[in-house]
Structure formats: C-alpha cells, structure tokens
C-alpha cells in the first residue's frame, strides 16, 4: 500500500479541495491511502494587506510547495490560479483537476441593480479593472479574509466579487446574485481548476497523479499559463485569460491604475499549438495596451 501525503492550506476551501483530490486518488488506485499535511502560508498569516501589495501570485503556495520539497509531504494541492506561471525548481504539475465553473460572481446585488456610485468590495485589481470598463461610476474597496469573512463584508447597497468555483467547493452557491459572463469578467489564469504538484524525481507519485489528470482542463490551464508566462514573472498588471471548452480563448490586460485596458477574443482548433496561442495573445495585449489611443 502506498501512502500519499497531501500538503494543503488549512482553510475550509483548501481542505475540501485537497480531500476531493485524495478521494480521486483512492478511486483511481485502491492501494493508495491518504494523509493530510496542513500548512499556513504567507497569504494566510497576513490577512489584511492587499494581495497585489504582497507580491500577488505565490503568496498562497510557497510554504505548501516547501513541505513537498522538504519531503514532509508527497504532493501539493493548490488552486491553479494561485500558482506562479513558472514551475518551482524541483516540482512539476502532475495533474490538473477537472475544472469547476471558472466565472466570477457578484454577491449582494446584480450589476444592473447597483445604484450609481455603489460600492464593490474585491481584493482583485483585475476584477476592479473589468467592472470599471462597464461601470466607471462604481466605487471600490479592498476585501481580504476567508470565504465566510468575505461573505460578511458585503457593502450596503453594493456587492462583493468571488470565484464561483470557491463557492461550489463549499456548496454555498445560493449566495450568488449574478454569475458574470466571461466577456464581462475574464477569469484569472487557472481559475476553477486544481493543480497538483509533486517532486520532479518522484516518478512513482507522478505516475499515480497521471491517473487523475483531466486532459481538457490541463490543455486550458496550460494555454492560460503560457499567456501569463509570456508576460514575465515581474508582471504586476491586472490580467486574466481563459480557454473555454468550445475553443474560445479570451485574454484581458489593464494598466496598474485601471485607467485603460484591452480584451481580445480568439479561437483555438484541435491541431493548434495552444501554448503558442497563449503567448501570442499576451504579446498582442501588451502591444495594444502600450499604443496611444487616437
């Protein structure tokens, strides 16, 4: 019997996500048993500083990855949207879980029901920039904390923005007032998927992970990660990218101050180099955003 130690954050969402992965592994190979290793990350310990001021991606994963690299765990389970675009040295993504609903959602009020100057609470500069494209009258305040904390901070007459997948994991989608269309809010890269990392030299564990890898979701997430990787590790701009099951690829990029943004839509065929499509979209967005408007 093989015991697989799963490293994960200790939040309710992360634990539930990791337990779902554990169940998949046991279903795929009945000889497997599961243990959980709970880790507090920098992003968990500091629940007040806006995420974009903490370095953005990586603040919820580094300590979980370290548990695997230090052989305190065998795999790390993350929300794919939290992973930096470059693999950590010594680790590789052994599986991508089947994607849940990737969209963002408003909780509190629907977009069309928000009064002029209503307040939106969100910790995401991307979400702020996207909603400003449609409703420049809206006011924005920062939002941090676990899901229950955020649900308790809906501004009076306003709304908060959350990922539908996070609510699906916990079975609390009844809170949703409106699911935002993908053309309104292009999700963060990897949103709705779980990424599972293992040590690059741990071939046995990687072989087991391959049994639960969801090919269509991996293709989508790898396309989106190629978009992000092309922008470079130092990119701090608000960005989003999403490949739909029908082959539609959407990409979004805004300036730091949300004063300007660009959004493109294209399609990917079965024979296309999907990573190249992601990289090319990043170059186009960056070029168009830097061009002066006439």
C-alpha atoms as a PDB file:
ATOM      1  CA  UNK A   1       0.000   0.000   0.000  1.00  0.00           C
ATOM      2  CA  UNK A   2       1.249   3.473  -0.926  1.00  0.00           C
ATOM      3  CA  UNK A   3       0.583   6.377   1.424  1.00  0.00           C
ATOM      4  CA  UNK A   4       0.408   9.759  -0.271  1.00  0.00           C
ATOM      5  CA  UNK A   5       0.848  12.769   1.990  1.00  0.00           C
ATOM      6  CA  UNK A   6      -1.062  15.766   0.645  1.00  0.00           C
ATOM      7  CA  UNK A   7       0.128  19.249   1.597  1.00  0.00           C
ATOM      8  CA  UNK A   8      -2.545  21.933   1.548  1.00  0.00           C
ATOM      9  CA  UNK A   9      -3.542  25.193   3.171  1.00  0.00           C
ATOM     10  CA  UNK A  10      -5.745  24.786   6.227  1.00  0.00           C
ATOM     11  CA  UNK A  11      -8.695  26.935   5.094  1.00  0.00           C
ATOM     12  CA  UNK A  12     -12.056  25.226   4.643  1.00  0.00           C
ATOM     13  CA  UNK A  13     -11.895  25.684   0.873  1.00  0.00           C
ATOM     14  CA  UNK A  14      -8.353  24.310   0.598  1.00  0.00           C
ATOM     15  CA  UNK A  15      -9.073  21.336   2.876  1.00  0.00           C
ATOM     16  CA  UNK A  16     -12.208  20.401   0.938  1.00  0.00           C
ATOM     17  CA  UNK A  17     -10.297  20.767  -2.332  1.00  0.00           C
ATOM     18  CA  UNK A  18      -7.490  18.514  -1.060  1.00  0.00           C
ATOM     19  CA  UNK A  19      -9.937  15.933   0.255  1.00  0.00           C
ATOM     20  CA  UNK A  20     -11.559  15.767  -3.182  1.00  0.00           C
ATOM     21  CA  UNK A  21      -8.125  15.073  -4.693  1.00  0.00           C
ATOM     22  CA  UNK A  22      -7.491  12.405  -2.068  1.00  0.00           C
ATOM     23  CA  UNK A  23     -10.780  10.716  -2.930  1.00  0.00           C
ATOM     24  CA  UNK A  24      -9.899  10.744  -6.634  1.00  0.00           C
ATOM     25  CA  UNK A  25      -6.535   9.130  -5.930  1.00  0.00           C
ATOM     26  CA  UNK A  26      -8.088   6.360  -3.830  1.00  0.00           C
ATOM     27  CA  UNK A  27     -10.715   5.802  -6.532  1.00  0.00           C
ATOM     28  CA  UNK A  28      -8.016   5.593  -9.205  1.00  0.00           C
ATOM     29  CA  UNK A  29      -5.839   3.184  -7.197  1.00  0.00           C
ATOM     30  CA  UNK A  30      -7.395   1.311  -4.274  1.00  0.00           C
ATOM     31  CA  UNK A  31      -3.931   0.540  -2.863  1.00  0.00           C
ATOM     32  CA  UNK A  32      -3.423   4.211  -2.048  1.00  0.00           C
ATOM     33  CA  UNK A  33      -4.047   5.681   1.393  1.00  0.00           C
ATOM     34  CA  UNK A  34      -4.052   9.402   2.122  1.00  0.00           C
ATOM     35  CA  UNK A  35      -2.632  11.628   4.856  1.00  0.00           C
ATOM     36  CA  UNK A  36      -3.002  15.411   5.022  1.00  0.00           C
ATOM     37  CA  UNK A  37      -0.330  17.939   5.945  1.00  0.00           C
ATOM     38  CA  UNK A  38      -1.773  21.369   6.744  1.00  0.00           C
ATOM     39  CA  UNK A  39       0.323  24.450   6.083  1.00  0.00           C
ATOM     40  CA  UNK A  40      -0.215  28.138   6.816  1.00  0.00           C
ATOM     41  CA  UNK A  41       1.077  30.344   4.011  1.00  0.00           C
ATOM     42  CA  UNK A  42       2.212  33.961   3.998  1.00  0.00           C
ATOM     43  CA  UNK A  43      -1.113  34.929   2.454  1.00  0.00           C
ATOM     44  CA  UNK A  44      -2.997  33.170   5.267  1.00  0.00           C
ATOM     45  CA  UNK A  45      -0.949  34.688   8.086  1.00  0.00           C
ATOM     46  CA  UNK A  46      -1.260  38.219   6.675  1.00  0.00           C
ATOM     47  CA  UNK A  47      -4.980  38.554   6.018  1.00  0.00           C
ATOM     48  CA  UNK A  48      -5.102  42.347   5.886  1.00  0.00           C
ATOM     49  CA  UNK A  49      -2.558  43.582   3.315  1.00  0.00           C
ATOM     50  CA  UNK A  50      -3.985  43.816  -0.231  1.00  0.00           C
ATOM     51  CA  UNK A  51      -2.771  40.851  -2.268  1.00  0.00           C
ATOM     52  CA  UNK A  52      -1.279  42.980  -5.054  1.00  0.00           C
ATOM     53  CA  UNK A  53       0.953  44.637  -2.436  1.00  0.00           C
ATOM     54  CA  UNK A  54       2.154  41.242  -1.158  1.00  0.00           C
ATOM     55  CA  UNK A  55       3.507  40.065  -4.495  1.00  0.00           C
ATOM     56  CA  UNK A  56       0.301  38.626  -5.946  1.00  0.00           C
ATOM     57  CA  UNK A  57       0.720  35.065  -7.171  1.00  0.00           C
ATOM     58  CA  UNK A  58       2.765  32.796  -4.937  1.00  0.00           C
ATOM     59  CA  UNK A  59       1.673  34.142  -1.552  1.00  0.00           C
ATOM     60  CA  UNK A  60      -0.649  31.146  -1.051  1.00  0.00           C
ATOM     61  CA  UNK A  61       1.635  28.393  -2.396  1.00  0.00           C
ATOM     62  CA  UNK A  62       5.297  28.726  -1.426  1.00  0.00           C
ATOM     63  CA  UNK A  63       5.048  27.173   2.029  1.00  0.00           C
ATOM     64  CA  UNK A  64       2.888  24.341   0.664  1.00  0.00           C
ATOM     65  CA  UNK A  65       5.498  23.682  -2.021  1.00  0.00           C
ATOM     66  CA  UNK A  66       8.251  23.768   0.605  1.00  0.00           C
ATOM     67  CA  UNK A  67       6.538  20.936   2.510  1.00  0.00           C
ATOM     68  CA  UNK A  68       6.894  18.741  -0.596  1.00  0.00           C
ATOM     69  CA  UNK A  69      10.451  19.822  -1.368  1.00  0.00           C
ATOM     70  CA  UNK A  70      11.434  19.083   2.254  1.00  0.00           C
ATOM     71  CA  UNK A  71       9.810  15.625   1.997  1.00  0.00           C
ATOM     72  CA  UNK A  72       7.219  16.425   4.638  1.00  0.00           C
ATOM     73  CA  UNK A  73       4.586  15.683   2.004  1.00  0.00           C
ATOM     74  CA  UNK A  74       4.440  13.947  -1.381  1.00  0.00           C
ATOM     75  CA  UNK A  75       2.118  16.251  -3.304  1.00  0.00           C
ATOM     76  CA  UNK A  76       0.894  19.827  -3.016  1.00  0.00           C
ATOM     77  CA  UNK A  77      -2.698  20.748  -3.876  1.00  0.00           C
ATOM     78  CA  UNK A  78      -3.357  24.330  -4.946  1.00  0.00           C
ATOM     79  CA  UNK A  79      -5.995  26.422  -6.620  1.00  0.00           C
ATOM     80  CA  UNK A  80      -4.353  26.687 -10.043  1.00  0.00           C
ATOM     81  CA  UNK A  81      -4.954  30.452 -10.128  1.00  0.00           C
ATOM     82  CA  UNK A  82      -2.580  30.873  -7.156  1.00  0.00           C
ATOM     83  CA  UNK A  83       0.410  29.267  -8.918  1.00  0.00           C
ATOM     84  CA  UNK A  84       3.119  31.437 -10.495  1.00  0.00           C
ATOM     85  CA  UNK A  85       3.494  30.868 -14.231  1.00  0.00           C
ATOM     86  CA  UNK A  86       6.887  29.168 -13.848  1.00  0.00           C
ATOM     87  CA  UNK A  87       7.205  25.806 -12.113  1.00  0.00           C
ATOM     88  CA  UNK A  88       9.118  25.853  -8.839  1.00  0.00           C
ATOM     89  CA  UNK A  89      12.560  24.247  -9.033  1.00  0.00           C
ATOM     90  CA  UNK A  90      12.256  20.559  -8.222  1.00  0.00           C
ATOM     91  CA  UNK A  91       8.486  20.404  -8.710  1.00  0.00           C
ATOM     92  CA  UNK A  92       6.169  19.783 -11.623  1.00  0.00           C
ATOM     93  CA  UNK A  93       2.420  19.782 -12.104  1.00  0.00           C
ATOM     94  CA  UNK A  94       1.490  16.115 -12.140  1.00  0.00           C
ATOM     95  CA  UNK A  95      -2.236  16.640 -12.610  1.00  0.00           C
ATOM     96  CA  UNK A  96      -4.848  19.285 -13.276  1.00  0.00           C
ATOM     97  CA  UNK A  97      -8.262  18.537 -11.834  1.00  0.00           C
ATOM     98  CA  UNK A  98     -11.446  18.792 -13.868  1.00  0.00           C
ATOM     99  CA  UNK A  99     -12.408  22.429 -13.976  1.00  0.00           C
ATOM    100  CA  UNK A 100     -15.309  23.741 -11.973  1.00  0.00           C
ATOM    101  CA  UNK A 101     -17.242  26.839 -13.081  1.00  0.00           C
ATOM    102  CA  UNK A 102     -14.492  29.367 -13.924  1.00  0.00           C
ATOM    103  CA  UNK A 103     -16.596  32.546 -13.788  1.00  0.00           C
ATOM    104  CA  UNK A 104     -16.604  35.324 -11.230  1.00  0.00           C
ATOM    105  CA  UNK A 105     -19.836  36.171  -9.454  1.00  0.00           C
ATOM    106  CA  UNK A 106     -21.422  39.102  -7.640  1.00  0.00           C
ATOM    107  CA  UNK A 107     -22.819  38.515  -4.182  1.00  0.00           C
ATOM    108  CA  UNK A 108     -25.163  41.110  -2.802  1.00  0.00           C
ATOM    109  CA  UNK A 109     -26.603  42.798  -5.890  1.00  0.00           C
ATOM    110  CA  UNK A 110     -26.699  42.197  -9.607  1.00  0.00           C
ATOM    111  CA  UNK A 111     -24.608  44.545 -11.758  1.00  0.00           C
ATOM    112  CA  UNK A 112     -27.642  46.180 -13.344  1.00  0.00           C
ATOM    113  CA  UNK A 113     -29.263  46.717  -9.937  1.00  0.00           C
ATOM    114  CA  UNK A 114     -26.309  48.607  -8.435  1.00  0.00           C
ATOM    115  CA  UNK A 115     -27.087  52.285  -7.941  1.00  0.00           C
ATOM    116  CA  UNK A 116     -24.807  54.955  -9.380  1.00  0.00           C
ATOM    117  CA  UNK A 117     -21.716  55.126  -7.179  1.00  0.00           C
ATOM    118  CA  UNK A 118     -22.422  51.839  -5.399  1.00  0.00           C
ATOM    119  CA  UNK A 119     -19.536  50.092  -3.667  1.00  0.00           C
ATOM    120  CA  UNK A 120     -17.872  46.871  -4.805  1.00  0.00           C
ATOM    121  CA  UNK A 121     -15.551  45.019  -2.430  1.00  0.00           C
ATOM    122  CA  UNK A 122     -12.815  42.908  -4.014  1.00  0.00           C
ATOM    123  CA  UNK A 123      -9.193  42.078  -3.342  1.00  0.00           C
ATOM    124  CA  UNK A 124      -8.513  41.674  -7.065  1.00  0.00           C
ATOM    125  CA  UNK A 125      -7.265  44.576  -9.173  1.00  0.00           C
ATOM    126  CA  UNK A 126      -8.226  42.526 -12.252  1.00  0.00           C
ATOM    127  CA  UNK A 127     -11.858  42.358 -11.161  1.00  0.00           C
ATOM    128  CA  UNK A 128     -11.826  46.056 -10.356  1.00  0.00           C
ATOM    129  CA  UNK A 129     -10.475  46.941 -13.799  1.00  0.00           C
ATOM    130  CA  UNK A 130     -13.007  44.725 -15.575  1.00  0.00           C
ATOM    131  CA  UNK A 131     -16.011  46.135 -13.750  1.00  0.00           C
ATOM    132  CA  UNK A 132     -14.742  49.682 -14.311  1.00  0.00           C
ATOM    133  CA  UNK A 133     -14.885  49.034 -18.075  1.00  0.00           C
ATOM    134  CA  UNK A 134     -18.642  48.600 -17.798  1.00  0.00           C
ATOM    135  CA  UNK A 135     -19.496  50.724 -14.767  1.00  0.00           C
ATOM    136  CA  UNK A 136     -16.927  53.517 -14.295  1.00  0.00           C
ATOM    137  CA  UNK A 137     -19.235  55.073 -11.688  1.00  0.00           C
ATOM    138  CA  UNK A 138     -18.692  52.276  -9.187  1.00  0.00           C
ATOM    139  CA  UNK A 139     -16.592  52.735  -6.058  1.00  0.00           C
ATOM    140  CA  UNK A 140     -14.180  50.007  -4.895  1.00  0.00           C
ATOM    141  CA  UNK A 141     -12.834  48.917  -1.521  1.00  0.00           C
ATOM    142  CA  UNK A 142     -10.386  46.145  -0.711  1.00  0.00           C
ATOM    143  CA  UNK A 143     -11.540  42.752   0.547  1.00  0.00           C
ATOM    144  CA  UNK A 144      -9.450  40.079   2.301  1.00  0.00           C
ATOM    145  CA  UNK A 145     -10.122  37.080   4.528  1.00  0.00           C
ATOM    146  CA  UNK A 146     -11.552  33.592   4.212  1.00  0.00           C
ATOM    147  CA  UNK A 147     -14.813  32.968   2.386  1.00  0.00           C
ATOM    148  CA  UNK A 148     -17.068  33.352   5.415  1.00  0.00           C
ATOM    149  CA  UNK A 149     -15.302  36.581   6.395  1.00  0.00           C
ATOM    150  CA  UNK A 150     -15.751  37.982   2.903  1.00  0.00           C
ATOM    151  CA  UNK A 151     -19.409  36.995   2.805  1.00  0.00           C
ATOM    152  CA  UNK A 152     -19.932  39.035   5.961  1.00  0.00           C
ATOM    153  CA  UNK A 153     -18.480  42.182   4.368  1.00  0.00           C
ATOM    154  CA  UNK A 154     -20.992  42.924   1.596  1.00  0.00           C
ATOM    155  CA  UNK A 155     -21.215  46.733   1.363  1.00  0.00           C
ATOM    156  CA  UNK A 156     -24.658  48.192   1.993  1.00  0.00           C
ATOM    157  CA  UNK A 157     -26.370  48.503  -1.390  1.00  0.00           C
ATOM    158  CA  UNK A 158     -23.290  47.037  -3.070  1.00  0.00           C
ATOM    159  CA  UNK A 159     -21.667  43.680  -3.764  1.00  0.00           C
ATOM    160  CA  UNK A 160     -18.554  41.587  -3.361  1.00  0.00           C
ATOM    161  CA  UNK A 161     -16.884  39.609  -6.159  1.00  0.00           C
ATOM    162  CA  UNK A 162     -15.876  35.987  -5.690  1.00  0.00           C
ATOM    163  CA  UNK A 163     -14.979  32.987  -7.819  1.00  0.00           C
ATOM    164  CA  UNK A 164     -17.950  30.703  -8.418  1.00  0.00           C
ATOM    165  CA  UNK A 165     -15.676  27.677  -8.000  1.00  0.00           C
ATOM    166  CA  UNK A 166     -14.816  28.650  -4.422  1.00  0.00           C
ATOM    167  CA  UNK A 167     -18.495  28.696  -3.552  1.00  0.00           C
ATOM    168  CA  UNK A 168     -19.105  25.423  -5.411  1.00  0.00           C
ATOM    169  CA  UNK A 169     -16.402  23.670  -3.399  1.00  0.00           C
ATOM    170  CA  UNK A 170     -18.165  24.570  -0.156  1.00  0.00           C
ATOM    171  CA  UNK A 171     -21.688  24.068  -1.503  1.00  0.00           C
ATOM    172  CA  UNK A 172     -22.787  27.647  -0.880  1.00  0.00           C
ATOM    173  CA  UNK A 173     -23.630  28.905  -4.376  1.00  0.00           C
ATOM    174  CA  UNK A 174     -27.017  30.082  -3.057  1.00  0.00           C
ATOM    175  CA  UNK A 175     -25.236  33.304  -2.054  1.00  0.00           C
ATOM    176  CA  UNK A 176     -24.690  34.251  -5.714  1.00  0.00           C
ATOM    177  CA  UNK A 177     -26.688  37.203  -7.033  1.00  0.00           C
ATOM    178  CA  UNK A 178     -25.224  37.079 -10.558  1.00  0.00           C
ATOM    179  CA  UNK A 179     -22.674  34.948 -12.388  1.00  0.00           C
ATOM    180  CA  UNK A 180     -20.645  37.316 -14.554  1.00  0.00           C
ATOM    181  CA  UNK A 181     -20.355  36.404 -18.214  1.00  0.00           C
ATOM    182  CA  UNK A 182     -16.848  35.522 -19.403  1.00  0.00           C
ATOM    183  CA  UNK A 183     -16.945  38.533 -21.732  1.00  0.00           C
ATOM    184  CA  UNK A 184     -17.623  40.791 -18.745  1.00  0.00           C
ATOM    185  CA  UNK A 185     -15.004  39.300 -16.423  1.00  0.00           C
ATOM    186  CA  UNK A 186     -12.260  37.174 -17.972  1.00  0.00           C
ATOM    187  CA  UNK A 187     -11.167  34.900 -15.100  1.00  0.00           C
ATOM    188  CA  UNK A 188      -7.732  34.716 -13.575  1.00  0.00           C
ATOM    189  CA  UNK A 189      -5.415  32.186 -15.220  1.00  0.00           C
ATOM    190  CA  UNK A 190      -6.326  28.709 -13.967  1.00  0.00           C
ATOM    191  CA  UNK A 191      -9.429  29.843 -12.084  1.00  0.00           C
ATOM    192  CA  UNK A 192     -11.733  26.958 -11.273  1.00  0.00           C
ATOM    193  CA  UNK A 193      -9.053  24.257 -11.550  1.00  0.00           C
ATOM    194  CA  UNK A 194      -6.909  22.470  -9.001  1.00  0.00           C
ATOM    195  CA  UNK A 195      -3.197  21.989  -9.708  1.00  0.00           C
ATOM    196  CA  UNK A 196      -1.348  19.111  -8.060  1.00  0.00           C
ATOM    197  CA  UNK A 197       2.429  19.247  -7.803  1.00  0.00           C
ATOM    198  CA  UNK A 198       4.951  16.528  -6.978  1.00  0.00           C
ATOM    199  CA  UNK A 199       8.729  16.356  -6.890  1.00  0.00           C
ATOM    200  CA  UNK A 200      10.186  16.041 -10.378  1.00  0.00           C
ATOM    201  CA  UNK A 201      12.233  12.999  -9.362  1.00  0.00           C
ATOM    202  CA  UNK A 202       9.311  11.209  -7.671  1.00  0.00           C
ATOM    203  CA  UNK A 203       8.267   9.131 -10.663  1.00  0.00           C
ATOM    204  CA  UNK A 204       6.006   6.781  -8.686  1.00  0.00           C
ATOM    205  CA  UNK A 205       3.876   9.633  -7.362  1.00  0.00           C
ATOM    206  CA  UNK A 206       3.785  11.333 -10.750  1.00  0.00           C
ATOM    207  CA  UNK A 207       2.577   8.062 -12.280  1.00  0.00           C
ATOM    208  CA  UNK A 208      -0.311   7.902  -9.801  1.00  0.00           C
ATOM    209  CA  UNK A 209      -1.163  11.562 -10.421  1.00  0.00           C
ATOM    210  CA  UNK A 210      -1.373  10.892 -14.148  1.00  0.00           C
ATOM    211  CA  UNK A 211      -4.400   8.703 -13.422  1.00  0.00           C
ATOM    212  CA  UNK A 212      -6.444  11.715 -12.289  1.00  0.00           C
ATOM    213  CA  UNK A 213      -5.140  14.282 -14.779  1.00  0.00           C
ATOM    214  CA  UNK A 214      -8.058  15.845 -16.687  1.00  0.00           C
ATOM    215  CA  UNK A 215      -6.772  16.342 -20.236  1.00  0.00           C
ATOM    216  CA  UNK A 216      -9.193  19.062 -21.365  1.00  0.00           C
ATOM    217  CA  UNK A 217      -8.675  21.098 -18.211  1.00  0.00           C
ATOM    218  CA  UNK A 218      -4.897  20.707 -18.437  1.00  0.00           C
ATOM    219  CA  UNK A 219      -4.913  21.967 -22.028  1.00  0.00           C
ATOM    220  CA  UNK A 220      -6.902  25.017 -20.981  1.00  0.00           C
ATOM    221  CA  UNK A 221      -4.796  25.808 -17.932  1.00  0.00           C
ATOM    222  CA  UNK A 222      -1.531  25.327 -19.842  1.00  0.00           C
ATOM    223  CA  UNK A 223      -2.760  27.741 -22.529  1.00  0.00           C
ATOM    224  CA  UNK A 224      -3.605  30.322 -19.900  1.00  0.00           C
ATOM    225  CA  UNK A 225      -0.319  29.797 -18.058  1.00  0.00           C
ATOM    226  CA  UNK A 226       1.565  30.287 -21.332  1.00  0.00           C
ATOM    227  CA  UNK A 227      -0.168  33.668 -21.635  1.00  0.00           C
ATOM    228  CA  UNK A 228       0.953  34.605 -18.133  1.00  0.00           C
ATOM    229  CA  UNK A 229       4.472  33.247 -18.595  1.00  0.00           C
ATOM    230  CA  UNK A 230       4.986  35.372 -21.712  1.00  0.00           C
ATOM    231  CA  UNK A 231       4.300  38.468 -19.628  1.00  0.00           C
ATOM    232  CA  UNK A 232       7.156  37.506 -17.301  1.00  0.00           C
ATOM    233  CA  UNK A 233       7.457  36.824 -13.602  1.00  0.00           C
ATOM    234  CA  UNK A 234       7.713  40.523 -12.874  1.00  0.00           C
ATOM    235  CA  UNK A 235       4.387  41.412 -14.470  1.00  0.00           C
ATOM    236  CA  UNK A 236       2.201  43.204 -11.939  1.00  0.00           C
ATOM    237  CA  UNK A 237      -0.514  44.295 -14.362  1.00  0.00           C
ATOM    238  CA  UNK A 238      -4.114  43.147 -13.837  1.00  0.00           C
ATOM    239  CA  UNK A 239      -4.514  40.235 -16.260  1.00  0.00           C
ATOM    240  CA  UNK A 240      -6.865  37.356 -16.969  1.00  0.00           C
ATOM    241  CA  UNK A 241      -7.059  34.548 -19.528  1.00  0.00           C
ATOM    242  CA  UNK A 242      -9.464  31.709 -20.154  1.00  0.00           C
ATOM    243  CA  UNK A 243      -9.822  28.898 -22.695  1.00  0.00           C
ATOM    244  CA  UNK A 244     -13.394  27.601 -22.911  1.00  0.00           C
ATOM    245  CA  UNK A 245     -14.340  24.032 -23.774  1.00  0.00           C
ATOM    246  CA  UNK A 246     -15.524  25.229 -27.199  1.00  0.00           C
ATOM    247  CA  UNK A 247     -12.027  26.545 -28.024  1.00  0.00           C
ATOM    248  CA  UNK A 248     -12.756  30.229 -27.385  1.00  0.00           C
ATOM    249  CA  UNK A 249      -9.753  31.971 -25.858  1.00  0.00           C
ATOM    250  CA  UNK A 250     -10.221  35.243 -24.007  1.00  0.00           C
ATOM    251  CA  UNK A 251      -7.448  37.448 -22.677  1.00  0.00           C
ATOM    252  CA  UNK A 252      -7.558  40.634 -20.621  1.00  0.00           C
ATOM    253  CA  UNK A 253      -4.944  43.153 -19.533  1.00  0.00           C
ATOM    254  CA  UNK A 254      -5.204  46.536 -17.814  1.00  0.00           C
ATOM    255  CA  UNK A 255      -2.853  49.235 -16.655  1.00  0.00           C
ATOM    256  CA  UNK A 256      -1.849  49.276 -12.995  1.00  0.00           C
ATOM    257  CA  UNK A 257      -4.157  52.187 -12.237  1.00  0.00           C
ATOM    258  CA  UNK A 258      -7.036  50.594 -14.227  1.00  0.00           C
ATOM    259  CA  UNK A 259      -7.178  53.717 -16.429  1.00  0.00           C
ATOM    260  CA  UNK A 260      -7.035  51.659 -19.636  1.00  0.00           C
ATOM    261  CA  UNK A 261      -7.481  48.027 -20.596  1.00  0.00           C
ATOM    262  CA  UNK A 262      -7.624  45.685 -23.547  1.00  0.00           C
ATOM    263  CA  UNK A 263      -9.593  42.490 -24.088  1.00  0.00           C
ATOM    264  CA  UNK A 264      -9.261  40.100 -27.006  1.00  0.00           C
ATOM    265  CA  UNK A 265     -11.167  37.006 -28.113  1.00  0.00           C
ATOM    266  CA  UNK A 266      -9.968  34.290 -30.481  1.00  0.00           C
ATOM    267  CA  UNK A 267     -10.332  30.584 -31.062  1.00  0.00           C
ATOM    268  CA  UNK A 268      -8.099  27.525 -30.845  1.00  0.00           C
ATOM    269  CA  UNK A 269      -8.504  24.456 -33.050  1.00  0.00           C
ATOM    270  CA  UNK A 270      -7.627  20.906 -32.096  1.00  0.00           C
ATOM    271  CA  UNK A 271      -4.435  20.998 -34.166  1.00  0.00           C
ATOM    272  CA  UNK A 272      -3.248  24.432 -32.995  1.00  0.00           C
ATOM    273  CA  UNK A 273      -0.227  24.943 -30.765  1.00  0.00           C
ATOM    274  CA  UNK A 274      -2.289  26.122 -27.826  1.00  0.00           C
ATOM    275  CA  UNK A 275       0.688  27.352 -25.802  1.00  0.00           C
ATOM    276  CA  UNK A 276       1.738  29.492 -28.776  1.00  0.00           C
ATOM    277  CA  UNK A 277      -1.769  30.938 -28.900  1.00  0.00           C
ATOM    278  CA  UNK A 278      -1.435  31.920 -25.262  1.00  0.00           C
ATOM    279  CA  UNK A 279       1.956  33.539 -25.776  1.00  0.00           C
ATOM    280  CA  UNK A 280       0.808  35.373 -28.901  1.00  0.00           C
ATOM    281  CA  UNK A 281      -2.250  36.736 -27.091  1.00  0.00           C
ATOM    282  CA  UNK A 282      -0.009  38.111 -24.351  1.00  0.00           C
ATOM    283  CA  UNK A 283       2.161  39.927 -26.889  1.00  0.00           C
ATOM    284  CA  UNK A 284      -0.921  41.375 -28.615  1.00  0.00           C
ATOM    285  CA  UNK A 285      -2.452  42.579 -25.341  1.00  0.00           C
ATOM    286  CA  UNK A 286       0.797  44.157 -24.203  1.00  0.00           C
ATOM    287  CA  UNK A 287       1.296  45.870 -27.570  1.00  0.00           C
ATOM    288  CA  UNK A 288      -2.240  47.195 -27.783  1.00  0.00           C
ATOM    289  CA  UNK A 289      -2.199  48.462 -24.200  1.00  0.00           C
ATOM    290  CA  UNK A 290       1.004  50.389 -24.817  1.00  0.00           C
ATOM    291  CA  UNK A 291      -0.276  52.043 -28.021  1.00  0.00           C
ATOM    292  CA  UNK A 292      -1.701  55.560 -27.623  1.00  0.00           C
ATOM    293  CA  UNK A 293      -5.396  55.823 -28.402  1.00  0.00           C
ATOM    294  CA  UNK A 294      -6.312  58.090 -31.332  1.00  0.00           C
END
